[in-house]
């Protein structure tokens, strides 16, 4: 049943997921975490929901355009289910905005392999990462991805290595102009502090740490199995999967470095996670087993959510 719905790319799939995400977003805010907002804040939260909803389209575009997964909607299904598994990410506006701009950067990085307009893509990727770092300072670590992608695809052209510096200078000049006009020159010093916020309470809580461990273990296991299945495919697909693995590892590092009661950067790991999970599910040959795995993937996040509601 799930395969018949999300096994293809159909407009109804977007409608189902976006409608669910709309109601789940407000459920998390008003019921699960009992937030209260003024009318102006409601408008702001609606805008954040818009960025989150558009992220679904970006995820689908990246996976289909770069032929990372098959012609299906499983990636956006798993992306939505991970949000159900970690509903606290919906209360962190910085996480949603940072993740959105990182997705735009990833879209450009993964398109390096065509070698068309690569300098423009390097500039764009660097620029989007710098914008993402305005919401999480440690997101600047994703600049490592630009360096790795250049090394993989076109390392001999020395001008490719200079383009990120041009993007950094351009971003700095724009930021400087904005800060001067807004009379907020202290922002850069206060924001890019790169302090290490280790949330011991979060990691020592067995429910949070167990869930995080199972999530990381499952993703890495699916990634390992996906690499085994991709052993006979072209080098281009393997390079892409290696880049996605680095994306996941950097996201975990940011999660550790930027961990505090009010920040939930685990959202930025969702894209590489859904790529590995989707690739593994697609590799299951028997339709009945694949359907069982998909049903379990849908049911388990809601069981975890219900358990957390009951326990809290």
Protein backbone atom coordinates (compact mmCIF):
# COMPACT_ATOMS: atom_id res chain seq x y z
CA UNK A 1 0.00 0.00 0.00
CA UNK A 2 2.71 2.48 0.97
CA UNK A 3 4.78 1.46 -2.06
CA UNK A 4 1.81 2.05 -4.34
CA UNK A 5 1.39 5.59 -3.01
CA UNK A 6 4.98 6.77 -2.53
CA UNK A 7 6.62 4.42 -5.03
CA UNK A 8 6.10 7.05 -7.71
CA UNK A 9 6.38 10.82 -7.91
CA UNK A 10 2.80 12.05 -7.91
CA UNK A 11 1.33 15.42 -6.82
CA UNK A 12 -0.87 13.64 -4.28
CA UNK A 13 2.28 12.63 -2.38
CA UNK A 14 3.20 16.28 -1.82
CA UNK A 15 -0.34 17.10 -0.75
CA UNK A 16 -0.46 14.25 1.79
CA UNK A 17 2.89 15.13 3.36
CA UNK A 18 2.43 18.90 3.34
CA UNK A 19 -1.05 18.72 4.86
CA UNK A 20 0.21 16.36 7.53
CA UNK A 21 3.23 18.58 8.19
CA UNK A 22 1.00 21.65 8.53
CA UNK A 23 -1.17 20.08 11.24
CA UNK A 24 1.75 18.32 12.95
CA UNK A 25 3.73 21.58 13.13
CA UNK A 26 1.01 23.35 15.09
CA UNK A 27 0.28 20.21 17.15
CA UNK A 28 3.90 20.15 18.31
CA UNK A 29 3.92 23.86 19.15
CA UNK A 30 0.56 24.19 20.90
CA UNK A 31 -0.02 20.73 22.37
CA UNK A 32 3.26 18.88 22.72
CA UNK A 33 5.39 21.83 23.92
CA UNK A 34 2.50 24.12 24.94
CA UNK A 35 3.82 27.25 23.28
CA UNK A 36 1.88 30.51 23.20
CA UNK A 37 2.31 33.20 20.56
CA UNK A 38 1.09 36.69 19.83
CA UNK A 39 -0.52 37.35 16.41
CA UNK A 40 2.79 38.74 15.12
CA UNK A 41 4.63 35.65 16.34
CA UNK A 42 2.04 33.39 14.69
CA UNK A 43 2.83 35.12 11.40
CA UNK A 44 6.54 34.51 11.95
CA UNK A 45 5.96 30.85 12.79
CA UNK A 46 3.86 30.49 9.64
CA UNK A 47 6.79 31.83 7.62
CA UNK A 48 9.08 29.26 9.28
CA UNK A 49 6.57 26.55 8.38
CA UNK A 50 6.76 27.81 4.80
CA UNK A 51 10.54 27.30 4.76
CA UNK A 52 10.09 23.81 6.21
CA UNK A 53 7.46 22.92 3.61
CA UNK A 54 9.64 24.19 0.79
CA UNK A 55 12.48 22.05 2.16
CA UNK A 56 10.37 19.01 1.22
CA UNK A 57 10.41 20.14 -2.41
CA UNK A 58 14.16 20.81 -2.30
CA UNK A 59 14.87 17.34 -0.88
CA UNK A 60 12.78 15.75 -3.61
CA UNK A 61 14.44 17.88 -6.29
CA UNK A 62 17.96 16.98 -5.15
CA UNK A 63 17.30 13.25 -5.00
CA UNK A 64 15.53 13.08 -8.36
CA UNK A 65 17.65 15.58 -10.31
CA UNK A 66 20.92 13.94 -9.25
CA UNK A 67 19.44 10.43 -9.62
CA UNK A 68 20.42 9.60 -6.04
CA UNK A 69 17.26 7.60 -5.50
CA UNK A 70 14.77 6.11 -7.95
CA UNK A 71 11.75 7.86 -9.38
CA UNK A 72 9.74 7.79 -6.17
CA UNK A 73 8.73 9.92 -3.19
CA UNK A 74 10.25 7.74 -0.49
CA UNK A 75 12.92 10.32 0.37
CA UNK A 76 10.38 13.00 1.34
CA UNK A 77 8.29 10.38 3.16
CA UNK A 78 11.27 9.42 5.33
CA UNK A 79 12.18 13.10 5.79
CA UNK A 80 8.71 13.75 7.22
CA UNK A 81 8.87 10.63 9.41
CA UNK A 82 12.18 11.75 10.90
CA UNK A 83 10.50 15.01 11.87
CA UNK A 84 7.87 12.94 13.68
CA UNK A 85 10.67 10.99 15.39
CA UNK A 86 12.35 14.23 16.53
CA UNK A 87 9.42 16.67 16.91
CA UNK A 88 11.51 19.09 18.99
CA UNK A 89 13.21 20.29 15.79
CA UNK A 90 9.98 22.09 14.88
CA UNK A 91 10.41 24.41 17.87
CA UNK A 92 13.86 25.53 16.72
CA UNK A 93 13.44 28.14 13.98
CA UNK A 94 17.20 28.40 13.53
CA UNK A 95 17.41 24.67 12.82
CA UNK A 96 14.73 24.90 10.13
CA UNK A 97 16.29 27.94 8.44
CA UNK A 98 19.84 26.57 8.71
CA UNK A 99 18.71 23.24 7.24
CA UNK A 100 16.89 24.97 4.39
CA UNK A 101 19.93 26.97 3.25
CA UNK A 102 22.19 23.95 3.67
CA UNK A 103 19.87 22.04 1.35
CA UNK A 104 20.33 24.78 -1.24
CA UNK A 105 24.10 24.43 -0.81
CA UNK A 106 23.92 20.63 -1.07
CA UNK A 107 21.91 20.96 -4.27
CA UNK A 108 24.78 22.88 -5.85
CA UNK A 109 27.54 20.68 -4.39
CA UNK A 110 26.04 17.45 -5.70
CA UNK A 111 25.68 18.98 -9.15
CA UNK A 112 29.45 19.54 -9.39
CA UNK A 113 29.81 16.17 -11.10
CA UNK A 114 28.35 17.52 -14.36
CA UNK A 115 31.35 19.93 -14.48
CA UNK A 116 29.06 22.53 -16.08
CA UNK A 117 29.36 26.07 -14.68
CA UNK A 118 31.30 24.57 -11.79
CA UNK A 119 32.76 27.90 -10.64
CA UNK A 120 29.27 29.38 -10.33
CA UNK A 121 28.14 26.29 -8.39
CA UNK A 122 31.13 26.56 -6.04
CA UNK A 123 30.31 30.21 -5.41
CA UNK A 124 26.63 29.47 -4.79
CA UNK A 125 27.35 26.53 -2.48
CA UNK A 126 29.80 28.56 -0.41
CA UNK A 127 27.40 31.49 -0.26
CA UNK A 128 24.45 29.36 0.91
CA UNK A 129 26.59 27.71 3.60
CA UNK A 130 27.64 31.12 4.89
CA UNK A 131 23.98 32.17 5.06
CA UNK A 132 23.18 28.93 6.94
CA UNK A 133 25.95 29.79 9.41
CA UNK A 134 24.02 32.93 10.34
CA UNK A 135 21.60 30.64 12.16
CA UNK A 136 24.12 28.12 13.53
CA UNK A 137 27.70 29.37 13.68
CA UNK A 138 29.09 25.82 13.55
CA UNK A 139 27.32 25.24 10.24
CA UNK A 140 30.33 26.95 8.71
CA UNK A 141 32.01 23.54 9.00
CA UNK A 142 30.08 22.57 5.86
CA UNK A 143 32.61 24.60 3.89
CA UNK A 144 34.65 21.41 4.20
CA UNK A 145 32.13 19.87 1.80
CA UNK A 146 32.96 22.45 -0.86
CA UNK A 147 36.67 21.66 -0.55
CA UNK A 148 36.06 17.90 -0.71
CA UNK A 149 33.74 18.22 -3.70
CA UNK A 150 36.30 20.32 -5.60
CA UNK A 151 38.94 17.70 -4.81
CA UNK A 152 36.70 14.90 -6.08
CA UNK A 153 35.48 16.53 -9.28
CA UNK A 154 37.90 19.16 -10.63
CA UNK A 155 40.99 19.63 -8.43
CA UNK A 156 43.44 20.56 -11.21
CA UNK A 157 41.79 23.88 -12.05
CA UNK A 158 43.43 26.29 -9.59
CA UNK A 159 40.67 28.87 -10.08
CA UNK A 160 38.14 26.50 -8.52
CA UNK A 161 40.06 26.71 -5.25
CA UNK A 162 39.91 30.52 -5.30
CA UNK A 163 36.15 30.80 -5.86
CA UNK A 164 35.18 30.04 -2.20
CA UNK A 165 37.32 32.99 -1.08
CA UNK A 166 35.46 35.23 -3.52
CA UNK A 167 32.15 34.04 -2.06
CA UNK A 168 33.39 34.65 1.49
CA UNK A 169 34.50 38.19 0.63
CA UNK A 170 31.19 38.92 -1.12
CA UNK A 171 29.21 37.64 1.85
CA UNK A 172 31.35 39.65 4.28
CA UNK A 173 30.81 42.87 2.32
CA UNK A 174 27.05 42.32 2.15
CA UNK A 175 26.90 41.53 5.86
CA UNK A 176 29.03 44.57 6.66
CA UNK A 177 26.71 46.84 4.71
CA UNK A 178 23.60 45.38 6.39
CA UNK A 179 25.11 45.65 9.86
CA UNK A 180 26.20 49.24 9.30
CA UNK A 181 22.70 50.21 8.12
CA UNK A 182 21.08 48.41 11.06
CA UNK A 183 23.65 49.75 13.54
CA UNK A 184 24.45 46.24 14.77
CA UNK A 185 28.18 45.96 14.22
CA UNK A 186 28.61 43.65 17.21
CA UNK A 187 26.63 40.83 15.56
CA UNK A 188 29.58 39.10 13.91
CA UNK A 189 31.64 39.06 17.09
CA UNK A 190 28.73 37.88 19.21
CA UNK A 191 27.42 35.30 16.75
CA UNK A 192 30.59 33.62 15.49
CA UNK A 193 31.78 32.77 18.95
CA UNK A 194 32.10 29.03 18.21
CA UNK A 195 31.51 28.01 21.79
CA UNK A 196 31.05 24.35 22.66
CA UNK A 197 27.57 23.88 24.12
CA UNK A 198 27.43 20.32 25.34
CA UNK A 199 23.97 19.59 26.72
CA UNK A 200 24.82 16.97 29.33
CA UNK A 201 21.21 16.75 30.49
CA UNK A 202 20.08 15.80 26.98
CA UNK A 203 22.75 13.17 26.42
CA UNK A 204 22.51 11.69 29.92
CA UNK A 205 18.76 11.24 29.59
CA UNK A 206 18.40 7.60 28.53
CA UNK A 207 15.39 8.19 26.29
CA UNK A 208 17.11 10.95 24.30
CA UNK A 209 20.50 9.25 24.10
CA UNK A 210 18.97 5.88 23.19
CA UNK A 211 16.88 7.42 20.44
CA UNK A 212 19.87 9.32 19.07
CA UNK A 213 22.07 6.21 19.19
CA UNK A 214 19.45 4.06 17.41
CA UNK A 215 18.96 6.78 14.79
CA UNK A 216 22.69 7.08 14.05
CA UNK A 217 23.15 3.30 14.10
CA UNK A 218 20.24 2.74 11.71
CA UNK A 219 21.42 5.41 9.28
CA UNK A 220 25.01 4.16 9.26
CA UNK A 221 23.82 0.56 8.85
CA UNK A 222 21.62 1.55 5.92
CA UNK A 223 24.55 3.52 4.51
CA UNK A 224 26.84 0.50 4.82
CA UNK A 225 24.31 -1.77 3.12
CA UNK A 226 23.74 0.87 0.44
CA UNK A 227 27.47 1.01 -0.31
CA UNK A 228 27.51 -2.78 -0.63
CA UNK A 229 24.63 -2.66 -3.11
CA UNK A 230 26.37 0.12 -5.07
CA UNK A 231 29.57 -1.89 -5.48
CA UNK A 232 28.93 -2.50 -9.17
CA UNK A 233 27.62 0.91 -10.17
CA UNK A 234 29.58 3.74 -11.73
CA UNK A 235 32.20 5.76 -9.90
CA UNK A 236 30.02 8.88 -10.11
CA UNK A 237 27.30 7.39 -7.90
CA UNK A 238 29.86 6.16 -5.37
CA UNK A 239 31.46 9.61 -5.14
CA UNK A 240 28.03 11.14 -4.53
CA UNK A 241 27.31 8.66 -1.74
CA UNK A 242 30.68 9.38 -0.15
CA UNK A 243 29.87 13.09 -0.15
CA UNK A 244 26.52 12.33 1.47
CA UNK A 245 28.28 10.29 4.16
CA UNK A 246 30.52 13.27 4.92
CA UNK A 247 27.39 15.44 5.09
CA UNK A 248 25.95 13.14 7.74
CA UNK A 249 29.15 13.07 9.79
CA UNK A 250 29.50 16.86 9.73
CA UNK A 251 25.86 17.16 10.79
CA UNK A 252 26.50 14.88 13.77
CA UNK A 253 29.53 16.98 14.70
CA UNK A 254 27.42 20.15 14.60
CA UNK A 255 24.81 18.36 16.73
CA UNK A 256 27.44 17.68 19.39
CA UNK A 257 29.04 21.13 19.21
CA UNK A 258 25.76 23.03 19.18
CA UNK A 259 23.81 21.03 21.71
CA UNK A 260 21.73 23.00 24.20
CA UNK A 261 18.15 22.91 25.54
CA UNK A 262 16.93 25.37 22.90
CA UNK A 263 18.86 24.13 19.85
CA UNK A 264 18.10 20.98 17.89
CA UNK A 265 20.53 20.77 14.95
CA UNK A 266 19.75 17.08 14.38
CA UNK A 267 17.48 18.35 11.58
CA UNK A 268 20.49 19.10 9.38
CA UNK A 269 21.36 15.37 9.33
CA UNK A 270 17.98 14.35 7.93
CA UNK A 271 18.83 14.74 4.23
CA UNK A 272 21.81 12.36 4.17
CA UNK A 273 19.88 10.03 6.49
CA UNK A 274 16.92 9.74 4.11
CA UNK A 275 19.25 9.15 1.17
CA UNK A 276 20.81 6.14 2.90
CA UNK A 277 17.49 4.80 4.17
CA UNK A 278 15.77 5.21 0.81
CA UNK A 279 18.67 3.60 -1.06
CA UNK A 280 18.53 0.61 1.26
CA UNK A 281 14.74 0.22 1.02
CA UNK A 282 14.94 0.40 -2.77
CA UNK A 283 17.52 -2.39 -2.78
CA UNK A 284 15.06 -4.84 -1.16
CA UNK A 285 14.00 -7.13 -3.99
CA UNK A 286 10.94 -8.79 -2.48
CA UNK A 287 7.89 -6.54 -2.57
CA UNK A 288 6.38 -8.09 0.58
CA UNK A 289 9.52 -7.50 2.66
CA UNK A 290 9.86 -3.96 1.31
CA UNK A 291 6.26 -3.25 2.26
CA UNK A 292 6.82 -4.58 5.79
CA UNK A 293 9.91 -2.38 6.18
CA UNK A 294 7.97 0.65 4.95
CA UNK A 295 5.06 -0.04 7.30
CA UNK A 296 7.46 -0.40 10.23
CA UNK A 297 9.17 2.85 9.20
CA UNK A 298 5.82 4.64 9.34
CA UNK A 299 4.55 3.07 12.56
CA UNK A 300 7.71 3.27 14.71
CA UNK A 301 8.05 7.12 14.73
CA UNK A 302 4.43 7.46 15.87
CA UNK A 303 4.91 4.84 18.57
CA UNK A 304 7.98 6.75 19.83
CA UNK A 305 6.02 10.02 19.71
CA UNK A 306 3.08 8.52 21.60
CA UNK A 307 5.44 7.00 24.18
CA UNK A 308 7.08 10.38 24.79
CA UNK A 309 3.68 12.05 25.19
CA UNK A 310 2.55 9.46 27.73
CA UNK A 311 5.81 9.55 29.69
CA UNK A 312 5.86 13.34 29.83
